[in-house]
Amino acid sequence: MVGALMALDPLLTGGGDQLSEHLLTGGTVTVAALVVCLAVRFVAGPLSYAAATPGGLFAPLLALGALWGMLTHALVSPLLPAGSAGPAAFAVVGMAAVFTGVVRAPLTGAVLVVEMTGAGVLLLPLLIACFAATVTANRLGSEPIYDTLRRRMLERT
C-alpha cells in the first residue's frame, strides 16, 4: 500500500519533512489535494507507528499541522482582508498547534516551530494557537502522547 502511495505522490509517504518544506516554501496545492493528503497521512501515520515501523512522531505531527494550517487558510482566505497572512503563516501556526495538542507542551511547540521556520514574527499567533490546542485537548480528555506511550511501555514490562 505504501509503495502505491509513493508511486501516486511521494509526498503522501515518508516522515513528512519534505511535505512540510514543500508547503512552507510556497508549493501550490489544491484544496482537494490537501484533503486527500491530510486523510492519507492521518490514517497512515498511526498505522505505521502502531506497526512499529520507523518514522517517529515529530515530523509526521508537523506535516499534519502544516496540512491543517494550509487547509484552514484555503477555507478562510475568501473572508480575510487583502494583505492578510498567507498560507505559509497558517501552515506554521498549524504545525505548532497540532504538535502542542498531541504532546501538550505549548511553549516547546511554539519555540521549536519558530526555531525551525525562522518565523519569529508569528510568535504571538503561535502562542495563542498552542494554548488553545492545549485547552482543547485537555477539555476533550485526551492524554499527552508521550504519557500514553510511557504507560503502555510500563504495562508491557
N, C-alpha and C. Protein backbone atom coordinates (compact mmCIF):
# COMPACT_ATOMS: atom_id res chain seq x y z
N MET A 1 0.83 -1.19 0.00
CA MET A 1 0.00 0.00 0.00
C MET A 1 0.88 1.26 0.00
N VAL A 2 1.94 1.24 0.81
CA VAL A 2 2.83 2.40 0.87
C VAL A 2 3.51 2.62 -0.48
N GLY A 3 3.90 1.52 -1.14
CA GLY A 3 4.52 1.63 -2.45
C GLY A 3 3.58 2.27 -3.47
N ALA A 4 2.32 1.91 -3.42
CA ALA A 4 1.34 2.50 -4.33
C ALA A 4 1.18 3.99 -4.04
N LEU A 5 1.17 4.36 -2.77
CA LEU A 5 1.08 5.77 -2.42
C LEU A 5 2.31 6.54 -2.89
N MET A 6 3.48 5.91 -2.76
CA MET A 6 4.71 6.57 -3.22
C MET A 6 4.68 6.78 -4.73
N ALA A 7 4.14 5.80 -5.45
CA ALA A 7 4.06 5.93 -6.91
C ALA A 7 3.07 7.04 -7.29
N LEU A 8 2.00 7.16 -6.51
CA LEU A 8 0.99 8.19 -6.78
C LEU A 8 1.55 9.59 -6.50
N ASP A 9 2.13 9.75 -5.31
CA ASP A 9 2.73 11.03 -4.93
C ASP A 9 3.68 10.79 -3.77
N PRO A 10 4.96 10.99 -3.95
CA PRO A 10 5.94 10.73 -2.88
C PRO A 10 5.69 11.53 -1.60
N LEU A 11 5.00 12.66 -1.70
CA LEU A 11 4.73 13.47 -0.51
C LEU A 11 3.69 12.84 0.41
N LEU A 12 2.99 11.82 -0.09
CA LEU A 12 2.00 11.13 0.74
C LEU A 12 2.65 10.19 1.75
N THR A 13 3.91 9.86 1.53
CA THR A 13 4.59 8.91 2.40
C THR A 13 5.82 9.58 3.03
N GLY A 14 6.53 8.83 3.83
CA GLY A 14 7.74 9.35 4.46
C GLY A 14 7.43 10.04 5.77
N GLY A 15 8.46 10.60 6.36
CA GLY A 15 8.33 11.23 7.66
C GLY A 15 7.50 12.50 7.67
N GLY A 16 7.50 13.22 6.57
CA GLY A 16 6.72 14.44 6.49
C GLY A 16 7.54 15.70 6.34
N ASP A 17 8.86 15.58 6.50
CA ASP A 17 9.68 16.78 6.40
C ASP A 17 9.67 17.37 5.00
N GLN A 18 9.66 16.53 3.98
CA GLN A 18 9.61 17.05 2.60
C GLN A 18 8.27 17.71 2.31
N LEU A 19 7.20 17.15 2.84
CA LEU A 19 5.87 17.74 2.66
C LEU A 19 5.80 19.09 3.35
N SER A 20 6.27 19.16 4.58
CA SER A 20 6.25 20.43 5.31
C SER A 20 7.07 21.49 4.58
N GLU A 21 8.24 21.10 4.11
CA GLU A 21 9.09 22.03 3.37
C GLU A 21 8.40 22.52 2.10
N HIS A 22 7.74 21.60 1.39
CA HIS A 22 7.02 21.96 0.17
C HIS A 22 5.92 22.99 0.48
N LEU A 23 5.18 22.77 1.55
CA LEU A 23 4.10 23.67 1.91
C LEU A 23 4.61 25.02 2.37
N LEU A 24 5.69 25.03 3.13
CA LEU A 24 6.22 26.28 3.68
C LEU A 24 6.94 27.13 2.64
N THR A 25 7.43 26.51 1.58
CA THR A 25 8.15 27.27 0.56
C THR A 25 7.25 27.71 -0.58
N GLY A 26 5.95 27.62 -0.36
CA GLY A 26 5.02 28.14 -1.36
C GLY A 26 4.61 27.17 -2.43
N GLY A 27 4.81 25.88 -2.21
CA GLY A 27 4.36 24.89 -3.18
C GLY A 27 2.85 24.97 -3.35
N THR A 28 2.41 24.95 -4.57
CA THR A 28 0.98 25.06 -4.81
C THR A 28 0.30 23.71 -4.62
N VAL A 29 -0.78 23.75 -3.90
CA VAL A 29 -1.55 22.55 -3.61
C VAL A 29 -3.03 22.93 -3.65
N THR A 30 -3.82 22.14 -4.35
CA THR A 30 -5.25 22.41 -4.40
C THR A 30 -5.91 21.98 -3.10
N VAL A 31 -7.11 22.47 -2.86
CA VAL A 31 -7.85 22.09 -1.66
C VAL A 31 -8.11 20.59 -1.66
N ALA A 32 -8.46 20.04 -2.82
CA ALA A 32 -8.72 18.59 -2.91
C ALA A 32 -7.46 17.80 -2.55
N ALA A 33 -6.31 18.26 -3.04
CA ALA A 33 -5.05 17.57 -2.73
C ALA A 33 -4.73 17.67 -1.24
N LEU A 34 -5.01 18.82 -0.64
CA LEU A 34 -4.79 18.97 0.80
C LEU A 34 -5.65 18.00 1.59
N VAL A 35 -6.91 17.88 1.20
CA VAL A 35 -7.83 16.98 1.91
C VAL A 35 -7.38 15.53 1.76
N VAL A 36 -7.00 15.13 0.55
CA VAL A 36 -6.54 13.76 0.32
C VAL A 36 -5.27 13.48 1.11
N CYS A 37 -4.31 14.38 1.04
CA CYS A 37 -3.04 14.20 1.74
C CYS A 37 -3.26 14.16 3.25
N LEU A 38 -4.12 15.02 3.76
CA LEU A 38 -4.43 15.03 5.18
C LEU A 38 -5.07 13.71 5.60
N ALA A 39 -6.01 13.22 4.83
CA ALA A 39 -6.69 11.96 5.15
C ALA A 39 -5.70 10.79 5.12
N VAL A 40 -4.88 10.73 4.08
CA VAL A 40 -3.92 9.63 3.97
C VAL A 40 -2.94 9.66 5.13
N ARG A 41 -2.39 10.81 5.42
CA ARG A 41 -1.39 10.91 6.49
C ARG A 41 -2.03 10.72 7.86
N PHE A 42 -3.27 11.13 8.02
CA PHE A 42 -3.95 10.97 9.30
C PHE A 42 -4.18 9.49 9.62
N VAL A 43 -4.40 8.69 8.59
CA VAL A 43 -4.61 7.25 8.78
C VAL A 43 -3.28 6.50 8.74
N ALA A 44 -2.43 6.81 7.79
CA ALA A 44 -1.19 6.05 7.60
C ALA A 44 -0.19 6.27 8.73
N GLY A 45 -0.13 7.47 9.28
CA GLY A 45 0.82 7.74 10.36
C GLY A 45 0.61 6.85 11.57
N PRO A 46 -0.58 6.85 12.15
CA PRO A 46 -0.81 5.97 13.30
C PRO A 46 -0.68 4.48 12.96
N LEU A 47 -1.08 4.09 11.75
CA LEU A 47 -0.91 2.69 11.36
C LEU A 47 0.56 2.31 11.30
N SER A 48 1.38 3.18 10.74
CA SER A 48 2.81 2.91 10.66
C SER A 48 3.43 2.87 12.04
N TYR A 49 3.02 3.79 12.90
CA TYR A 49 3.58 3.81 14.25
C TYR A 49 3.13 2.57 15.03
N ALA A 50 1.87 2.18 14.88
CA ALA A 50 1.36 1.00 15.58
C ALA A 50 2.05 -0.27 15.12
N ALA A 51 2.47 -0.31 13.86
CA ALA A 51 3.16 -1.48 13.32
C ALA A 51 4.64 -1.47 13.67
N ALA A 52 5.07 -0.49 14.43
CA ALA A 52 6.46 -0.35 14.88
C ALA A 52 7.43 -0.14 13.72
N THR A 53 6.96 0.47 12.64
CA THR A 53 7.86 0.82 11.55
C THR A 53 8.53 2.15 11.89
N PRO A 54 9.74 2.35 11.41
CA PRO A 54 10.43 3.60 11.74
C PRO A 54 9.73 4.80 11.10
N GLY A 55 9.88 5.93 11.71
CA GLY A 55 9.28 7.13 11.16
C GLY A 55 9.09 8.20 12.22
N GLY A 56 8.98 7.79 13.46
CA GLY A 56 8.86 8.74 14.55
C GLY A 56 7.52 9.43 14.62
N LEU A 57 7.44 10.39 15.51
CA LEU A 57 6.22 11.16 15.72
C LEU A 57 6.38 12.63 15.36
N PHE A 58 7.57 13.16 15.54
CA PHE A 58 7.78 14.60 15.42
C PHE A 58 7.48 15.13 14.01
N ALA A 59 8.17 14.62 13.01
CA ALA A 59 7.98 15.11 11.64
C ALA A 59 6.56 14.83 11.13
N PRO A 60 5.99 13.65 11.39
CA PRO A 60 4.60 13.44 10.94
C PRO A 60 3.61 14.40 11.59
N LEU A 61 3.81 14.73 12.87
CA LEU A 61 2.93 15.69 13.52
C LEU A 61 3.05 17.07 12.89
N LEU A 62 4.27 17.47 12.59
CA LEU A 62 4.46 18.77 11.95
C LEU A 62 3.85 18.82 10.56
N ALA A 63 3.96 17.71 9.82
CA ALA A 63 3.36 17.64 8.49
C ALA A 63 1.83 17.74 8.57
N LEU A 64 1.24 17.03 9.53
CA LEU A 64 -0.22 17.14 9.72
C LEU A 64 -0.62 18.56 10.06
N GLY A 65 0.15 19.19 10.94
CA GLY A 65 -0.14 20.57 11.30
C GLY A 65 -0.04 21.52 10.12
N ALA A 66 0.98 21.33 9.30
CA ALA A 66 1.13 22.18 8.11
C ALA A 66 -0.05 21.99 7.16
N LEU A 67 -0.48 20.75 7.01
CA LEU A 67 -1.64 20.48 6.15
C LEU A 67 -2.91 21.13 6.71
N TRP A 68 -3.14 20.99 8.02
CA TRP A 68 -4.31 21.62 8.63
C TRP A 68 -4.26 23.14 8.46
N GLY A 69 -3.08 23.72 8.67
CA GLY A 69 -2.94 25.17 8.51
C GLY A 69 -3.22 25.62 7.09
N MET A 70 -2.67 24.90 6.13
CA MET A 70 -2.91 25.25 4.71
C MET A 70 -4.39 25.10 4.36
N LEU A 71 -5.01 24.04 4.83
CA LEU A 71 -6.43 23.82 4.56
C LEU A 71 -7.27 24.92 5.21
N THR A 72 -6.92 25.29 6.42
CA THR A 72 -7.63 26.38 7.09
C THR A 72 -7.51 27.67 6.29
N HIS A 73 -6.30 27.95 5.82
CA HIS A 73 -6.11 29.16 5.00
C HIS A 73 -6.95 29.09 3.74
N ALA A 74 -6.96 27.94 3.08
CA ALA A 74 -7.74 27.81 1.84
C ALA A 74 -9.23 28.04 2.09
N LEU A 75 -9.71 27.62 3.25
CA LEU A 75 -11.14 27.78 3.54
C LEU A 75 -11.52 29.18 4.01
N VAL A 76 -10.63 29.86 4.74
CA VAL A 76 -10.98 31.18 5.27
C VAL A 76 -10.42 32.34 4.45
N SER A 77 -9.56 32.07 3.48
CA SER A 77 -8.95 33.16 2.71
C SER A 77 -9.96 34.07 2.02
N PRO A 78 -11.11 33.55 1.55
CA PRO A 78 -12.07 34.50 0.97
C PRO A 78 -12.62 35.50 1.99
N LEU A 79 -12.55 35.19 3.25
CA LEU A 79 -13.06 36.07 4.29
C LEU A 79 -12.02 37.04 4.83
N LEU A 80 -10.75 36.79 4.50
CA LEU A 80 -9.66 37.62 5.03
C LEU A 80 -9.50 38.89 4.21
N PRO A 81 -9.11 39.98 4.86
CA PRO A 81 -8.85 41.21 4.11
C PRO A 81 -7.57 41.08 3.28
N ALA A 82 -7.46 41.94 2.30
CA ALA A 82 -6.27 41.93 1.45
C ALA A 82 -5.04 42.22 2.30
N GLY A 83 -3.95 41.54 2.00
CA GLY A 83 -2.71 41.74 2.72
C GLY A 83 -2.61 40.94 4.01
N SER A 84 -3.56 40.03 4.22
CA SER A 84 -3.51 39.18 5.42
C SER A 84 -2.41 38.15 5.29
N ALA A 85 -2.19 37.43 6.37
CA ALA A 85 -1.18 36.38 6.39
C ALA A 85 -1.46 35.36 5.29
N GLY A 86 -0.40 34.88 4.68
CA GLY A 86 -0.52 33.92 3.60
C GLY A 86 -0.60 32.49 4.09
N PRO A 87 -0.67 31.55 3.17
CA PRO A 87 -0.82 30.15 3.54
C PRO A 87 0.36 29.60 4.35
N ALA A 88 1.56 30.07 4.09
CA ALA A 88 2.72 29.57 4.85
C ALA A 88 2.61 29.94 6.32
N ALA A 89 2.11 31.13 6.62
CA ALA A 89 1.93 31.53 8.02
C ALA A 89 0.91 30.63 8.71
N PHE A 90 -0.16 30.31 8.01
CA PHE A 90 -1.16 29.40 8.56
C PHE A 90 -0.56 28.02 8.77
N ALA A 91 0.29 27.59 7.86
CA ALA A 91 0.93 26.28 7.98
C ALA A 91 1.84 26.25 9.21
N VAL A 92 2.58 27.31 9.44
CA VAL A 92 3.48 27.38 10.60
C VAL A 92 2.67 27.32 11.90
N VAL A 93 1.61 28.08 11.97
CA VAL A 93 0.77 28.08 13.16
C VAL A 93 0.12 26.70 13.35
N GLY A 94 -0.30 26.09 12.26
CA GLY A 94 -0.88 24.74 12.33
C GLY A 94 0.12 23.72 12.84
N MET A 95 1.36 23.84 12.41
CA MET A 95 2.40 22.92 12.89
C MET A 95 2.54 22.98 14.40
N ALA A 96 2.63 24.18 14.93
CA ALA A 96 2.80 24.35 16.37
C ALA A 96 1.56 23.89 17.12
N ALA A 97 0.38 24.18 16.60
CA ALA A 97 -0.85 23.83 17.30
C ALA A 97 -1.06 22.31 17.35
N VAL A 98 -0.84 21.61 16.25
CA VAL A 98 -1.01 20.16 16.26
C VAL A 98 0.03 19.51 17.15
N PHE A 99 1.26 19.94 17.05
CA PHE A 99 2.30 19.39 17.93
C PHE A 99 1.89 19.58 19.40
N THR A 100 1.45 20.77 19.74
CA THR A 100 1.07 21.07 21.12
C THR A 100 -0.13 20.26 21.57
N GLY A 101 -1.12 20.13 20.71
CA GLY A 101 -2.31 19.37 21.08
C GLY A 101 -2.01 17.92 21.37
N VAL A 102 -1.05 17.35 20.66
CA VAL A 102 -0.71 15.93 20.84
C VAL A 102 0.27 15.74 21.99
N VAL A 103 1.28 16.60 22.07
CA VAL A 103 2.34 16.44 23.05
C VAL A 103 2.00 17.15 24.36
N ARG A 104 1.22 18.19 24.29
CA ARG A 104 0.80 19.00 25.42
C ARG A 104 1.94 19.79 26.02
N ALA A 105 2.70 20.45 25.15
CA ALA A 105 3.81 21.30 25.57
C ALA A 105 3.76 22.59 24.75
N PRO A 106 2.91 23.55 25.16
CA PRO A 106 2.69 24.73 24.33
C PRO A 106 3.92 25.60 24.10
N LEU A 107 4.70 25.87 25.12
CA LEU A 107 5.88 26.70 24.92
C LEU A 107 6.92 25.99 24.06
N THR A 108 7.09 24.70 24.30
CA THR A 108 8.02 23.92 23.50
C THR A 108 7.59 23.92 22.04
N GLY A 109 6.30 23.71 21.78
CA GLY A 109 5.79 23.71 20.41
C GLY A 109 6.05 25.03 19.71
N ALA A 110 5.77 26.13 20.39
CA ALA A 110 5.97 27.44 19.78
C ALA A 110 7.45 27.71 19.51
N VAL A 111 8.29 27.43 20.49
CA VAL A 111 9.72 27.70 20.33
C VAL A 111 10.33 26.81 19.25
N LEU A 112 9.97 25.52 19.24
CA LEU A 112 10.51 24.61 18.22
C LEU A 112 10.15 25.06 16.81
N VAL A 113 8.90 25.42 16.61
CA VAL A 113 8.47 25.80 15.27
C VAL A 113 9.09 27.14 14.86
N VAL A 114 9.21 28.07 15.78
CA VAL A 114 9.87 29.35 15.46
C VAL A 114 11.32 29.10 15.09
N GLU A 115 12.00 28.25 15.84
CA GLU A 115 13.41 27.96 15.53
C GLU A 115 13.55 27.24 14.20
N MET A 116 12.63 26.33 13.89
CA MET A 116 12.73 25.57 12.64
C MET A 116 12.40 26.41 11.42
N THR A 117 11.47 27.33 11.56
CA THR A 117 11.00 28.08 10.40
C THR A 117 11.54 29.51 10.33
N GLY A 118 12.06 30.02 11.44
CA GLY A 118 12.53 31.39 11.46
C GLY A 118 11.39 32.39 11.44
N ALA A 119 10.19 31.96 11.81
CA ALA A 119 9.00 32.80 11.76
C ALA A 119 8.75 33.49 13.09
N GLY A 120 9.73 34.24 13.56
CA GLY A 120 9.61 34.93 14.85
C GLY A 120 8.47 35.92 14.89
N VAL A 121 8.11 36.49 13.76
CA VAL A 121 7.01 37.47 13.74
C VAL A 121 5.67 36.79 14.04
N LEU A 122 5.64 35.47 13.95
CA LEU A 122 4.40 34.74 14.22
C LEU A 122 4.32 34.23 15.66
N LEU A 123 5.21 34.69 16.53
CA LEU A 123 5.26 34.16 17.89
C LEU A 123 3.94 34.33 18.64
N LEU A 124 3.31 35.47 18.55
CA LEU A 124 2.05 35.68 19.26
C LEU A 124 0.94 34.77 18.72
N PRO A 125 0.72 34.70 17.39
CA PRO A 125 -0.29 33.75 16.91
C PRO A 125 0.05 32.30 17.26
N LEU A 126 1.34 31.96 17.26
CA LEU A 126 1.75 30.61 17.63
C LEU A 126 1.39 30.31 19.08
N LEU A 127 1.69 31.24 19.96
CA LEU A 127 1.39 31.03 21.38
C LEU A 127 -0.12 30.91 21.62
N ILE A 128 -0.89 31.75 20.96
CA ILE A 128 -2.35 31.68 21.11
C ILE A 128 -2.87 30.33 20.62
N ALA A 129 -2.40 29.91 19.44
CA ALA A 129 -2.84 28.61 18.89
C ALA A 129 -2.40 27.45 19.77
N CYS A 130 -1.19 27.53 20.30
CA CYS A 130 -0.68 26.45 21.16
C CYS A 130 -1.47 26.34 22.45
N PHE A 131 -1.76 27.46 23.07
CA PHE A 131 -2.54 27.40 24.31
C PHE A 131 -3.98 26.97 24.03
N ALA A 132 -4.54 27.40 22.90
CA ALA A 132 -5.88 26.93 22.53
C ALA A 132 -5.88 25.43 22.28
N ALA A 133 -4.84 24.91 21.65
CA ALA A 133 -4.74 23.47 21.40
C ALA A 133 -4.61 22.70 22.71
N THR A 134 -3.86 23.24 23.65
CA THR A 134 -3.71 22.59 24.95
C THR A 134 -5.03 22.54 25.69
N VAL A 135 -5.73 23.66 25.73
CA VAL A 135 -7.03 23.71 26.42
C VAL A 135 -8.02 22.76 25.75
N THR A 136 -8.05 22.76 24.44
CA THR A 136 -8.98 21.88 23.71
C THR A 136 -8.68 20.42 24.00
N ALA A 137 -7.42 20.03 23.91
CA ALA A 137 -7.05 18.63 24.17
C ALA A 137 -7.35 18.25 25.61
N ASN A 138 -7.11 19.14 26.55
CA ASN A 138 -7.43 18.86 27.95
C ASN A 138 -8.94 18.71 28.16
N ARG A 139 -9.71 19.58 27.53
CA ARG A 139 -11.18 19.51 27.66
C ARG A 139 -11.74 18.24 27.04
N LEU A 140 -11.09 17.76 25.98
CA LEU A 140 -11.54 16.52 25.34
C LEU A 140 -11.10 15.29 26.13
N GLY A 141 -10.24 15.50 27.10
CA GLY A 141 -9.82 14.41 27.97
C GLY A 141 -8.77 13.49 27.39
N SER A 142 -8.07 13.95 26.37
CA SER A 142 -7.03 13.10 25.79
C SER A 142 -5.75 13.22 26.62
N GLU A 143 -5.02 12.13 26.64
CA GLU A 143 -3.77 12.08 27.38
C GLU A 143 -2.63 12.49 26.45
N PRO A 144 -1.63 13.21 26.94
CA PRO A 144 -0.47 13.54 26.09
C PRO A 144 0.16 12.25 25.54
N ILE A 145 0.61 12.29 24.30
CA ILE A 145 1.08 11.09 23.60
C ILE A 145 2.24 10.42 24.33
N TYR A 146 3.18 11.19 24.85
CA TYR A 146 4.33 10.56 25.49
C TYR A 146 3.94 9.92 26.83
N ASP A 147 2.94 10.46 27.50
CA ASP A 147 2.43 9.80 28.71
C ASP A 147 1.78 8.46 28.35
N THR A 148 1.02 8.45 27.27
CA THR A 148 0.38 7.22 26.80
C THR A 148 1.43 6.18 26.42
N LEU A 149 2.45 6.60 25.69
CA LEU A 149 3.50 5.67 25.27
C LEU A 149 4.27 5.12 26.47
N ARG A 150 4.56 5.97 27.45
CA ARG A 150 5.26 5.52 28.65
C ARG A 150 4.41 4.51 29.42
N ARG A 151 3.12 4.80 29.58
CA ARG A 151 2.24 3.89 30.29
C ARG A 151 2.16 2.54 29.59
N ARG A 152 2.04 2.55 28.27
CA ARG A 152 1.99 1.28 27.51
C ARG A 152 3.29 0.50 27.64
N MET A 153 4.41 1.20 27.63
CA MET A 153 5.70 0.53 27.76
C MET A 153 5.81 -0.12 29.14
N LEU A 154 5.37 0.57 30.17
CA LEU A 154 5.43 0.03 31.52
C LEU A 154 4.48 -1.16 31.68
N GLU A 155 3.34 -1.11 31.01
CA GLU A 155 2.40 -2.22 31.07
C GLU A 155 2.96 -3.49 30.41
N ARG A 156 3.77 -3.32 29.38
CA ARG A 156 4.37 -4.46 28.68
C ARG A 156 5.46 -5.12 29.52
N THR A 157 6.14 -4.32 30.34
CA THR A 157 7.24 -4.87 31.14
C THR A 157 6.75 -5.31 32.46
